[in-house]
PDB file of N, CA and C in Angstrom:
ATOM      1  N   MET A   1      18.944 -61.172   9.599  1.00  0.00           N
ATOM      2  CA  MET A   1      19.473 -61.460   8.284  1.00  0.00           C
ATOM      3  C   MET A   1      18.612 -60.751   7.255  1.00  0.00           C
ATOM      4  N   ARG A   2      19.262 -60.246   6.224  1.00  0.00           N
ATOM      5  CA  ARG A   2      18.566 -59.567   5.139  1.00  0.00           C
ATOM      6  C   ARG A   2      19.052 -60.109   3.803  1.00  0.00           C
ATOM      7  N   PHE A   3      18.170 -60.082   2.851  1.00  0.00           N
ATOM      8  CA  PHE A   3      18.545 -60.281   1.459  1.00  0.00           C
ATOM      9  C   PHE A   3      18.373 -58.926   0.795  1.00  0.00           C
ATOM     10  N   ASP A   4      19.371 -58.489   0.084  1.00  0.00           N
ATOM     11  CA  ASP A   4      19.301 -57.230  -0.660  1.00  0.00           C
ATOM     12  C   ASP A   4      19.487 -57.555  -2.137  1.00  0.00           C
ATOM     13  N   ARG A   5      19.105 -56.620  -2.959  1.00  0.00           N
ATOM     14  CA  ARG A   5      19.279 -56.788  -4.404  1.00  0.00           C
ATOM     15  C   ARG A   5      20.427 -55.900  -4.886  1.00  0.00           C
ATOM     16  N   ASN A   6      21.221 -56.441  -5.821  1.00  0.00           N
ATOM     17  CA  ASN A   6      22.293 -55.637  -6.405  1.00  0.00           C
ATOM     18  C   ASN A   6      21.726 -54.818  -7.568  1.00  0.00           C
ATOM     19  N   ALA A   7      22.582 -54.127  -8.309  1.00  0.00           N
ATOM     20  CA  ALA A   7      22.147 -53.257  -9.398  1.00  0.00           C
ATOM     21  C   ALA A   7      21.429 -54.023 -10.508  1.00  0.00           C
ATOM     22  N   ARG A   8      21.716 -55.321 -10.656  1.00  0.00           N
ATOM     23  CA  ARG A   8      21.066 -56.143 -11.677  1.00  0.00           C
ATOM     24  C   ARG A   8      19.786 -56.802 -11.170  1.00  0.00           C
ATOM     25  N   GLY A   9      19.417 -56.528  -9.894  1.00  0.00           N
ATOM     26  CA  GLY A   9      18.195 -57.108  -9.341  1.00  0.00           C
ATOM     27  C   GLY A   9      18.377 -58.499  -8.768  1.00  0.00           C
ATOM     28  N   GLU A  10      19.623 -58.968  -8.676  1.00  0.00           N
ATOM     29  CA  GLU A  10      19.899 -60.293  -8.128  1.00  0.00           C
ATOM     30  C   GLU A  10      19.953 -60.225  -6.606  1.00  0.00           C
ATOM     31  N   TRP A  11      19.484 -61.273  -5.936  1.00  0.00           N
ATOM     32  CA  TRP A  11      19.503 -61.321  -4.472  1.00  0.00           C
ATOM     33  C   TRP A  11      20.927 -61.498  -3.985  1.00  0.00           C
ATOM     34  N   MET A  12      21.275 -60.775  -2.928  1.00  0.00           N
ATOM     35  CA  MET A  12      22.601 -60.841  -2.319  1.00  0.00           C
ATOM     36  C   MET A  12      22.440 -61.092  -0.824  1.00  0.00           C
ATOM     37  N   VAL A  13      23.381 -61.846  -0.247  1.00  0.00           N
ATOM     38  CA  VAL A  13      23.355 -62.108   1.191  1.00  0.00           C
ATOM     39  C   VAL A  13      24.790 -62.157   1.702  1.00  0.00           C
ATOM     40  N   ASP A  14      24.989 -61.820   2.955  1.00  0.00           N
ATOM     41  CA  ASP A  14      26.310 -61.878   3.575  1.00  0.00           C
ATOM     42  C   ASP A  14      26.713 -63.350   3.705  1.00  0.00           C
ATOM     43  N   PRO A  15      27.810 -63.790   3.051  1.00  0.00           N
ATOM     44  CA  PRO A  15      28.185 -65.203   3.090  1.00  0.00           C
ATOM     45  C   PRO A  15      28.549 -65.703   4.492  1.00  0.00           C
ATOM     46  N   ASP A  16      29.120 -64.845   5.325  1.00  0.00           N
ATOM     47  CA  ASP A  16      29.449 -65.263   6.692  1.00  0.00           C
ATOM     48  C   ASP A  16      28.183 -65.564   7.481  1.00  0.00           C
ATOM     49  N   GLU A  17      27.176 -64.720   7.313  1.00  0.00           N
ATOM     50  CA  GLU A  17      25.913 -64.929   8.009  1.00  0.00           C
ATOM     51  C   GLU A  17      25.200 -66.176   7.484  1.00  0.00           C
ATOM     52  N   LEU A  18      25.232 -66.385   6.175  1.00  0.00           N
ATOM     53  CA  LEU A  18      24.613 -67.578   5.603  1.00  0.00           C
ATOM     54  C   LEU A  18      25.308 -68.835   6.096  1.00  0.00           C
ATOM     55  N   ALA A  19      26.634 -68.815   6.175  1.00  0.00           N
ATOM     56  CA  ALA A  19      27.376 -69.980   6.674  1.00  0.00           C
ATOM     57  C   ALA A  19      26.946 -70.313   8.102  1.00  0.00           C
ATOM     58  N   ARG A  20      26.792 -69.295   8.938  1.00  0.00           N
ATOM     59  CA  ARG A  20      26.323 -69.540  10.314  1.00  0.00           C
ATOM     60  C   ARG A  20      24.937 -70.163  10.312  1.00  0.00           C
ATOM     61  N   LYS A  21      24.059 -69.694   9.432  1.00  0.00           N
ATOM     62  CA  LYS A  21      22.702 -70.249   9.357  1.00  0.00           C
ATOM     63  C   LYS A  21      22.738 -71.723   8.953  1.00  0.00           C
ATOM     64  N   LEU A  22      23.692 -72.079   8.094  1.00  0.00           N
ATOM     65  CA  LEU A  22      23.841 -73.464   7.643  1.00  0.00           C
ATOM     66  C   LEU A  22      24.591 -74.328   8.652  1.00  0.00           C
ATOM     67  N   GLY A  23      25.233 -73.689   9.624  1.00  0.00           N
ATOM     68  CA  GLY A  23      25.994 -74.437  10.620  1.00  0.00           C
ATOM     69  C   GLY A  23      27.350 -74.897  10.124  1.00  0.00           C
ATOM     70  N   ILE A  24      27.901 -74.170   9.140  1.00  0.00           N
ATOM     71  CA  ILE A  24      29.214 -74.511   8.587  1.00  0.00           C
ATOM     72  C   ILE A  24      30.090 -73.260   8.621  1.00  0.00           C
ATOM     73  N   THR A  25      31.379 -73.435   8.324  1.00  0.00           N
ATOM     74  CA  THR A  25      32.279 -72.283   8.289  1.00  0.00           C
ATOM     75  C   THR A  25      32.112 -71.532   6.969  1.00  0.00           C
ATOM     76  N   ALA A  26      32.488 -70.262   6.988  1.00  0.00           N
ATOM     77  CA  ALA A  26      32.437 -69.457   5.765  1.00  0.00           C
ATOM     78  C   ALA A  26      33.369 -70.045   4.705  1.00  0.00           C
ATOM     79  N   GLN A  27      34.509 -70.588   5.133  1.00  0.00           N
ATOM     80  CA  GLN A  27      35.443 -71.191   4.177  1.00  0.00           C
ATOM     81  C   GLN A  27      34.833 -72.418   3.513  1.00  0.00           C
ATOM     82  N   LEU A  28      34.135 -73.254   4.295  1.00  0.00           N
ATOM     83  CA  LEU A  28      33.495 -74.432   3.709  1.00  0.00           C
ATOM     84  C   LEU A  28      32.391 -74.005   2.740  1.00  0.00           C
ATOM     85  N   LEU A  29      31.625 -72.974   3.080  1.00  0.00           N
ATOM     86  CA  LEU A  29      30.593 -72.475   2.168  1.00  0.00           C
ATOM     87  C   LEU A  29      31.224 -72.004   0.862  1.00  0.00           C
ATOM     88  N   LYS A  30      32.328 -71.276   0.964  1.00  0.00           N
ATOM     89  CA  LYS A  30      33.021 -70.797  -0.235  1.00  0.00           C
ATOM     90  C   LYS A  30      33.524 -71.968  -1.079  1.00  0.00           C
ATOM     91  N   THR A  31      34.141 -72.946  -0.429  1.00  0.00           N
ATOM     92  CA  THR A  31      34.663 -74.112  -1.146  1.00  0.00           C
ATOM     93  C   THR A  31      33.544 -74.863  -1.856  1.00  0.00           C
ATOM     94  N   GLU A  32      32.442 -75.116  -1.138  1.00  0.00           N
ATOM     95  CA  GLU A  32      31.340 -75.855  -1.742  1.00  0.00           C
ATOM     96  C   GLU A  32      30.674 -75.051  -2.867  1.00  0.00           C
ATOM     97  N   THR A  33      30.673 -73.730  -2.737  1.00  0.00           N
ATOM     98  CA  THR A  33      30.124 -72.885  -3.801  1.00  0.00           C
ATOM     99  C   THR A  33      30.974 -73.007  -5.060  1.00  0.00           C
ATOM    100  N   VAL A  34      32.295 -72.908  -4.906  1.00  0.00           N
ATOM    101  CA  VAL A  34      33.209 -73.027  -6.040  1.00  0.00           C
ATOM    102  C   VAL A  34      33.067 -74.396  -6.712  1.00  0.00           C
ATOM    103  N   LEU A  35      32.854 -75.440  -5.911  1.00  0.00           N
ATOM    104  CA  LEU A  35      32.710 -76.796  -6.444  1.00  0.00           C
ATOM    105  C   LEU A  35      31.314 -77.072  -7.019  1.00  0.00           C
ATOM    106  N   GLY A  36      30.415 -76.096  -6.917  1.00  0.00           N
ATOM    107  CA  GLY A  36      29.068 -76.266  -7.444  1.00  0.00           C
ATOM    108  C   GLY A  36      28.170 -77.114  -6.563  1.00  0.00           C
ATOM    109  N   LEU A  37      28.486 -77.205  -5.261  1.00  0.00           N
ATOM    110  CA  LEU A  37      27.727 -78.060  -4.346  1.00  0.00           C
ATOM    111  C   LEU A  37      26.667 -77.303  -3.546  1.00  0.00           C
ATOM    112  N   VAL A  38      26.580 -75.997  -3.748  1.00  0.00           N
ATOM    113  CA  VAL A  38      25.577 -75.195  -3.043  1.00  0.00           C
ATOM    114  C   VAL A  38      24.457 -74.877  -4.028  1.00  0.00           C
ATOM    115  N   ARG A  39      23.248 -75.218  -3.631  1.00  0.00           N
ATOM    116  CA  ARG A  39      22.086 -74.953  -4.481  1.00  0.00           C
ATOM    117  C   ARG A  39      21.151 -73.992  -3.775  1.00  0.00           C
ATOM    118  N   THR A  40      20.623 -73.066  -4.533  1.00  0.00           N
ATOM    119  CA  THR A  40      19.681 -72.092  -3.988  1.00  0.00           C
ATOM    120  C   THR A  40      18.395 -72.167  -4.782  1.00  0.00           C
ATOM    121  N   HIS A  41      17.279 -72.161  -4.066  1.00  0.00           N
ATOM    122  CA  HIS A  41      15.965 -72.230  -4.694  1.00  0.00           C
ATOM    123  C   HIS A  41      15.107 -71.123  -4.084  1.00  0.00           C
ATOM    124  N   ILE A  42      14.560 -70.251  -4.928  1.00  0.00           N
ATOM    125  CA  ILE A  42      13.727 -69.141  -4.455  1.00  0.00           C
ATOM    126  C   ILE A  42      12.339 -69.292  -5.055  1.00  0.00           C
ATOM    127  N   VAL A  43      11.333 -69.233  -4.186  1.00  0.00           N
ATOM    128  CA  VAL A  43       9.940 -69.327  -4.622  1.00  0.00           C
ATOM    129  C   VAL A  43       9.223 -68.059  -4.171  1.00  0.00           C
ATOM    130  N   MET A  44       8.632 -67.379  -5.131  1.00  0.00           N
ATOM    131  CA  MET A  44       7.863 -66.177  -4.836  1.00  0.00           C
ATOM    132  C   MET A  44       6.461 -66.587  -4.394  1.00  0.00           C
ATOM    133  N   GLY A  45       5.961 -65.944  -3.332  1.00  0.00           N
ATOM    134  CA  GLY A  45       4.648 -66.266  -2.801  1.00  0.00           C
ATOM    135  C   GLY A  45       3.521 -65.855  -3.739  1.00  0.00           C
ATOM    136  N   ARG A  46       2.431 -66.614  -3.667  1.00  0.00           N
ATOM    137  CA  ARG A  46       1.225 -66.307  -4.442  1.00  0.00           C
ATOM    138  C   ARG A  46       0.035 -66.302  -3.501  1.00  0.00           C
ATOM    139  N   GLY A  47      -1.035 -65.714  -3.932  1.00  0.00           N
ATOM    140  CA  GLY A  47      -2.250 -65.707  -3.120  1.00  0.00           C
ATOM    141  C   GLY A  47      -2.000 -65.042  -1.780  1.00  0.00           C
ATOM    142  N   ALA A  48      -2.319 -65.759  -0.701  1.00  0.00           N
ATOM    143  CA  ALA A  48      -2.148 -65.218   0.654  1.00  0.00           C
ATOM    144  C   ALA A  48      -0.679 -64.930   0.977  1.00  0.00           C
ATOM    145  N   ASP A  49       0.246 -65.566   0.252  1.00  0.00           N
ATOM    146  CA  ASP A  49       1.682 -65.371   0.497  1.00  0.00           C
ATOM    147  C   ASP A  49       2.321 -64.356  -0.457  1.00  0.00           C
ATOM    148  N   LYS A  50       1.499 -63.655  -1.228  1.00  0.00           N
ATOM    149  CA  LYS A  50       2.029 -62.679  -2.175  1.00  0.00           C
ATOM    150  C   LYS A  50       2.874 -61.648  -1.418  1.00  0.00           C
ATOM    151  N   GLY A  51       4.018 -61.311  -1.985  1.00  0.00           N
ATOM    152  CA  GLY A  51       4.930 -60.364  -1.350  1.00  0.00           C
ATOM    153  C   GLY A  51       6.003 -61.037  -0.514  1.00  0.00           C
ATOM    154  N   LEU A  52       5.863 -62.349  -0.296  1.00  0.00           N
ATOM    155  CA  LEU A  52       6.854 -63.107   0.462  1.00  0.00           C
ATOM    156  C   LEU A  52       7.683 -63.951  -0.495  1.00  0.00           C
ATOM    157  N   SER A  53       8.883 -64.293  -0.085  1.00  0.00           N
ATOM    158  CA  SER A  53       9.747 -65.191  -0.857  1.00  0.00           C
ATOM    159  C   SER A  53      10.300 -66.256   0.074  1.00  0.00           C
ATOM    160  N   ARG A  54      10.240 -67.515  -0.354  1.00  0.00           N
ATOM    161  CA  ARG A  54      10.866 -68.598   0.398  1.00  0.00           C
ATOM    162  C   ARG A  54      12.189 -68.915  -0.290  1.00  0.00           C
ATOM    163  N   VAL A  55      13.256 -68.872   0.493  1.00  0.00           N
ATOM    164  CA  VAL A  55      14.597 -69.120  -0.014  1.00  0.00           C
ATOM    165  C   VAL A  55      15.133 -70.370   0.666  1.00  0.00           C
ATOM    166  N   ARG A  56      15.599 -71.320  -0.124  1.00  0.00           N
ATOM    167  CA  ARG A  56      16.188 -72.538   0.421  1.00  0.00           C
ATOM    168  C   ARG A  56      17.610 -72.647  -0.112  1.00  0.00           C
ATOM    169  N   VAL A  57      18.565 -72.809   0.801  1.00  0.00           N
ATOM    170  CA  VAL A  57      19.973 -72.974   0.433  1.00  0.00           C
ATOM    171  C   VAL A  57      20.401 -74.347   0.929  1.00  0.00           C
ATOM    172  N   ARG A  58      20.928 -75.138   0.018  1.00  0.00           N
ATOM    173  CA  ARG A  58      21.316 -76.510   0.333  1.00  0.00           C
ATOM    174  C   ARG A  58      22.798 -76.695   0.056  1.00  0.00           C
ATOM    175  N   CYS A  59      23.508 -77.233   1.049  1.00  0.00           N
ATOM    176  CA  CYS A  59      24.900 -77.636   0.860  1.00  0.00           C
ATOM    177  C   CYS A  59      24.964 -79.114   1.238  1.00  0.00           C
ATOM    178  N   ARG A  60      26.165 -79.674   1.276  1.00  0.00           N
ATOM    179  CA  ARG A  60      26.263 -81.111   1.579  1.00  0.00           C
ATOM    180  C   ARG A  60      25.812 -81.451   2.985  1.00  0.00           C
ATOM    181  N   GLU A  61      26.061 -80.552   3.944  1.00  0.00           N
ATOM    182  CA  GLU A  61      25.814 -80.880   5.345  1.00  0.00           C
ATOM    183  C   GLU A  61      24.470 -80.437   5.889  1.00  0.00           C
ATOM    184  N   SER A  62      23.852 -79.437   5.288  1.00  0.00           N
ATOM    185  CA  SER A  62      22.575 -78.965   5.826  1.00  0.00           C
ATOM    186  C   SER A  62      21.796 -78.169   4.792  1.00  0.00           C
ATOM    187  N   ILE A  63      20.568 -77.868   5.173  1.00  0.00           N
ATOM    188  CA  ILE A  63      19.693 -77.033   4.364  1.00  0.00           C
ATOM    189  C   ILE A  63      19.147 -75.954   5.288  1.00  0.00           C
ATOM    190  N   TRP A  64      19.189 -74.729   4.809  1.00  0.00           N
ATOM    191  CA  TRP A  64      18.586 -73.630   5.556  1.00  0.00           C
ATOM    192  C   TRP A  64      17.469 -73.057   4.700  1.00  0.00           C
ATOM    193  N   GLN A  65      16.344 -72.762   5.344  1.00  0.00           N
ATOM    194  CA  GLN A  65      15.212 -72.185   4.630  1.00  0.00           C
ATOM    195  C   GLN A  65      14.725 -70.952   5.383  1.00  0.00           C
ATOM    196  N   GLY A  66      14.510 -69.882   4.657  1.00  0.00           N
ATOM    197  CA  GLY A  66      14.008 -68.653   5.254  1.00  0.00           C
ATOM    198  C   GLY A  66      12.885 -68.071   4.430  1.00  0.00           C
ATOM    199  N   VAL A  67      11.997 -67.358   5.098  1.00  0.00           N
ATOM    200  CA  VAL A  67      10.931 -66.632   4.425  1.00  0.00           C
ATOM    201  C   VAL A  67      11.216 -65.143   4.621  1.00  0.00           C
ATOM    202  N   PHE A  68      11.221 -64.408   3.518  1.00  0.00           N
ATOM    203  CA  PHE A  68      11.544 -62.988   3.520  1.00  0.00           C
ATOM    204  C   PHE A  68      10.350 -62.182   3.040  1.00  0.00           C
ATOM    205  N   ASP A  69      10.208 -60.987   3.621  1.00  0.00           N
ATOM    206  CA  ASP A  69       9.157 -60.090   3.140  1.00  0.00           C
ATOM    207  C   ASP A  69       9.669 -59.341   1.913  1.00  0.00           C
ATOM    208  N   GLY A  70       8.831 -58.494   1.343  1.00  0.00           N
ATOM    209  CA  GLY A  70       9.186 -57.781   0.122  1.00  0.00           C
ATOM    210  C   GLY A  70      10.364 -56.846   0.264  1.00  0.00           C
ATOM    211  N   ALA A  71      10.674 -56.413   1.490  1.00  0.00           N
ATOM    212  CA  ALA A  71      11.822 -55.544   1.732  1.00  0.00           C
ATOM    213  C   ALA A  71      13.112 -56.330   1.943  1.00  0.00           C
ATOM    214  N   GLY A  72      13.026 -57.667   1.914  1.00  0.00           N
ATOM    215  CA  GLY A  72      14.212 -58.496   2.099  1.00  0.00           C
ATOM    216  C   GLY A  72      14.513 -58.850   3.538  1.00  0.00           C
ATOM    217  N   CYS A  73      13.578 -58.577   4.457  1.00  0.00           N
ATOM    218  CA  CYS A  73      13.793 -58.895   5.879  1.00  0.00           C
ATOM    219  C   CYS A  73      13.332 -60.313   6.186  1.00  0.00           C
ATOM    220  N   LEU A  74      14.152 -61.041   6.900  1.00  0.00           N
ATOM    221  CA  LEU A  74      13.840 -62.410   7.306  1.00  0.00           C
ATOM    222  C   LEU A  74      12.703 -62.390   8.330  1.00  0.00           C
ATOM    223  N   ILE A  75      11.652 -63.186   8.069  1.00  0.00           N
ATOM    224  CA  ILE A  75      10.535 -63.230   9.016  1.00  0.00           C
ATOM    225  C   ILE A  75      10.317 -64.614   9.617  1.00  0.00           C
ATOM    226  N   ASN A  76      10.931 -65.632   9.033  1.00  0.00           N
ATOM    227  CA  ASN A  76      10.800 -66.998   9.546  1.00  0.00           C
ATOM    228  C   ASN A  76      11.947 -67.822   8.970  1.00  0.00           C
ATOM    229  N   GLU A  77      12.449 -68.794   9.755  1.00  0.00           N
ATOM    230  CA  GLU A  77      13.547 -69.613   9.249  1.00  0.00           C
ATOM    231  C   GLU A  77      13.595 -70.959   9.958  1.00  0.00           C
ATOM    232  N   CYS A  78      14.278 -71.915   9.320  1.00  0.00           N
ATOM    233  CA  CYS A  78      14.541 -73.207   9.949  1.00  0.00           C
ATOM    234  C   CYS A  78      15.737 -73.846   9.250  1.00  0.00           C
ATOM    235  N   ARG A  79      16.382 -74.765   9.948  1.00  0.00           N
ATOM    236  CA  ARG A  79      17.462 -75.550   9.366  1.00  0.00           C
ATOM    237  C   ARG A  79      16.968 -76.983   9.246  1.00  0.00           C
ATOM    238  N   LEU A  80      17.242 -77.609   8.113  1.00  0.00           N
ATOM    239  CA  LEU A  80      16.771 -78.955   7.822  1.00  0.00           C
ATOM    240  C   LEU A  80      17.950 -79.877   7.564  1.00  0.00           C
ATOM    241  N   SER A  81      17.706 -81.150   7.716  1.00  0.00           N
ATOM    242  CA  SER A  81      18.702 -82.158   7.372  1.00  0.00           C
ATOM    243  C   SER A  81      18.644 -82.404   5.865  1.00  0.00           C
ATOM    244  N   PRO A  82      19.792 -82.627   5.219  1.00  0.00           N
ATOM    245  CA  PRO A  82      19.767 -82.932   3.778  1.00  0.00           C
ATOM    246  C   PRO A  82      18.924 -84.164   3.459  1.00  0.00           C
ATOM    247  N   ASP A  83      18.750 -85.062   4.424  1.00  0.00           N
ATOM    248  CA  ASP A  83      17.949 -86.265   4.194  1.00  0.00           C
ATOM    249  C   ASP A  83      16.458 -85.994   4.266  1.00  0.00           C
ATOM    250  N   SER A  84      16.056 -84.805   4.734  1.00  0.00           N
ATOM    251  CA  SER A  84      14.639 -84.527   4.925  1.00  0.00           C
ATOM    252  C   SER A  84      13.919 -84.097   3.653  1.00  0.00           C
ATOM    253  N   LEU A  85      14.672 -83.752   2.615  1.00  0.00           N
ATOM    254  CA  LEU A  85      14.077 -83.319   1.346  1.00  0.00           C
ATOM    255  C   LEU A  85      14.658 -84.127   0.205  1.00  0.00           C
ATOM    256  N   PRO A  86      13.859 -84.325  -0.851  1.00  0.00           N
ATOM    257  CA  PRO A  86      14.419 -84.985  -2.036  1.00  0.00           C
ATOM    258  C   PRO A  86      15.427 -84.062  -2.705  1.00  0.00           C
ATOM    259  N   GLU A  87      16.269 -84.619  -3.539  1.00  0.00           N
ATOM    260  CA  GLU A  87      17.233 -83.822  -4.301  1.00  0.00           C
ATOM    261  C   GLU A  87      16.505 -82.761  -5.101  1.00  0.00           C
ATOM    262  N   ASP A  88      17.100 -81.580  -5.201  1.00  0.00           N
ATOM    263  CA  ASP A  88      16.518 -80.523  -6.030  1.00  0.00           C
ATOM    264  C   ASP A  88      16.553 -80.983  -7.473  1.00  0.00           C
ATOM    265  N   PRO A  89      15.447 -80.764  -8.214  1.00  0.00           N
ATOM    266  CA  PRO A  89      15.460 -81.161  -9.623  1.00  0.00           C
ATOM    267  C   PRO A  89      16.423 -80.287 -10.424  1.00  0.00           C
ATOM    268  N   VAL A  90      16.979 -80.839 -11.455  1.00  0.00           N
ATOM    269  CA  VAL A  90      17.861 -80.099 -12.346  1.00  0.00           C
ATOM    270  C   VAL A  90      17.029 -79.626 -13.526  1.00  0.00           C
ATOM    271  N   HIS A  91      17.058 -78.328 -13.784  1.00  0.00           N
ATOM    272  CA  HIS A  91      16.286 -77.772 -14.893  1.00  0.00           C
ATOM    273  C   HIS A  91      17.210 -77.320 -15.983  1.00  0.00           C
TER     274      HIS A  91
END
């Protein structure tokens, strides 16, 4: 899996591949995205983790988290239960 940047510098990912990582269908991912039920949180690494990014994608049924290097290549990942983390804060 890769994250790439578009012309505006925004992260892009293949939705079919992301749906598989979340353990849901691409159609369900699309539906939940339209309904505003998919949340994405990106944290840029600091110190020893500089150059890495942790990406967390949360939908109703699961959470997927991946760590990407500066080129956008996935280097580590896991799937979590929605009950394992507190709700993402609203900013």
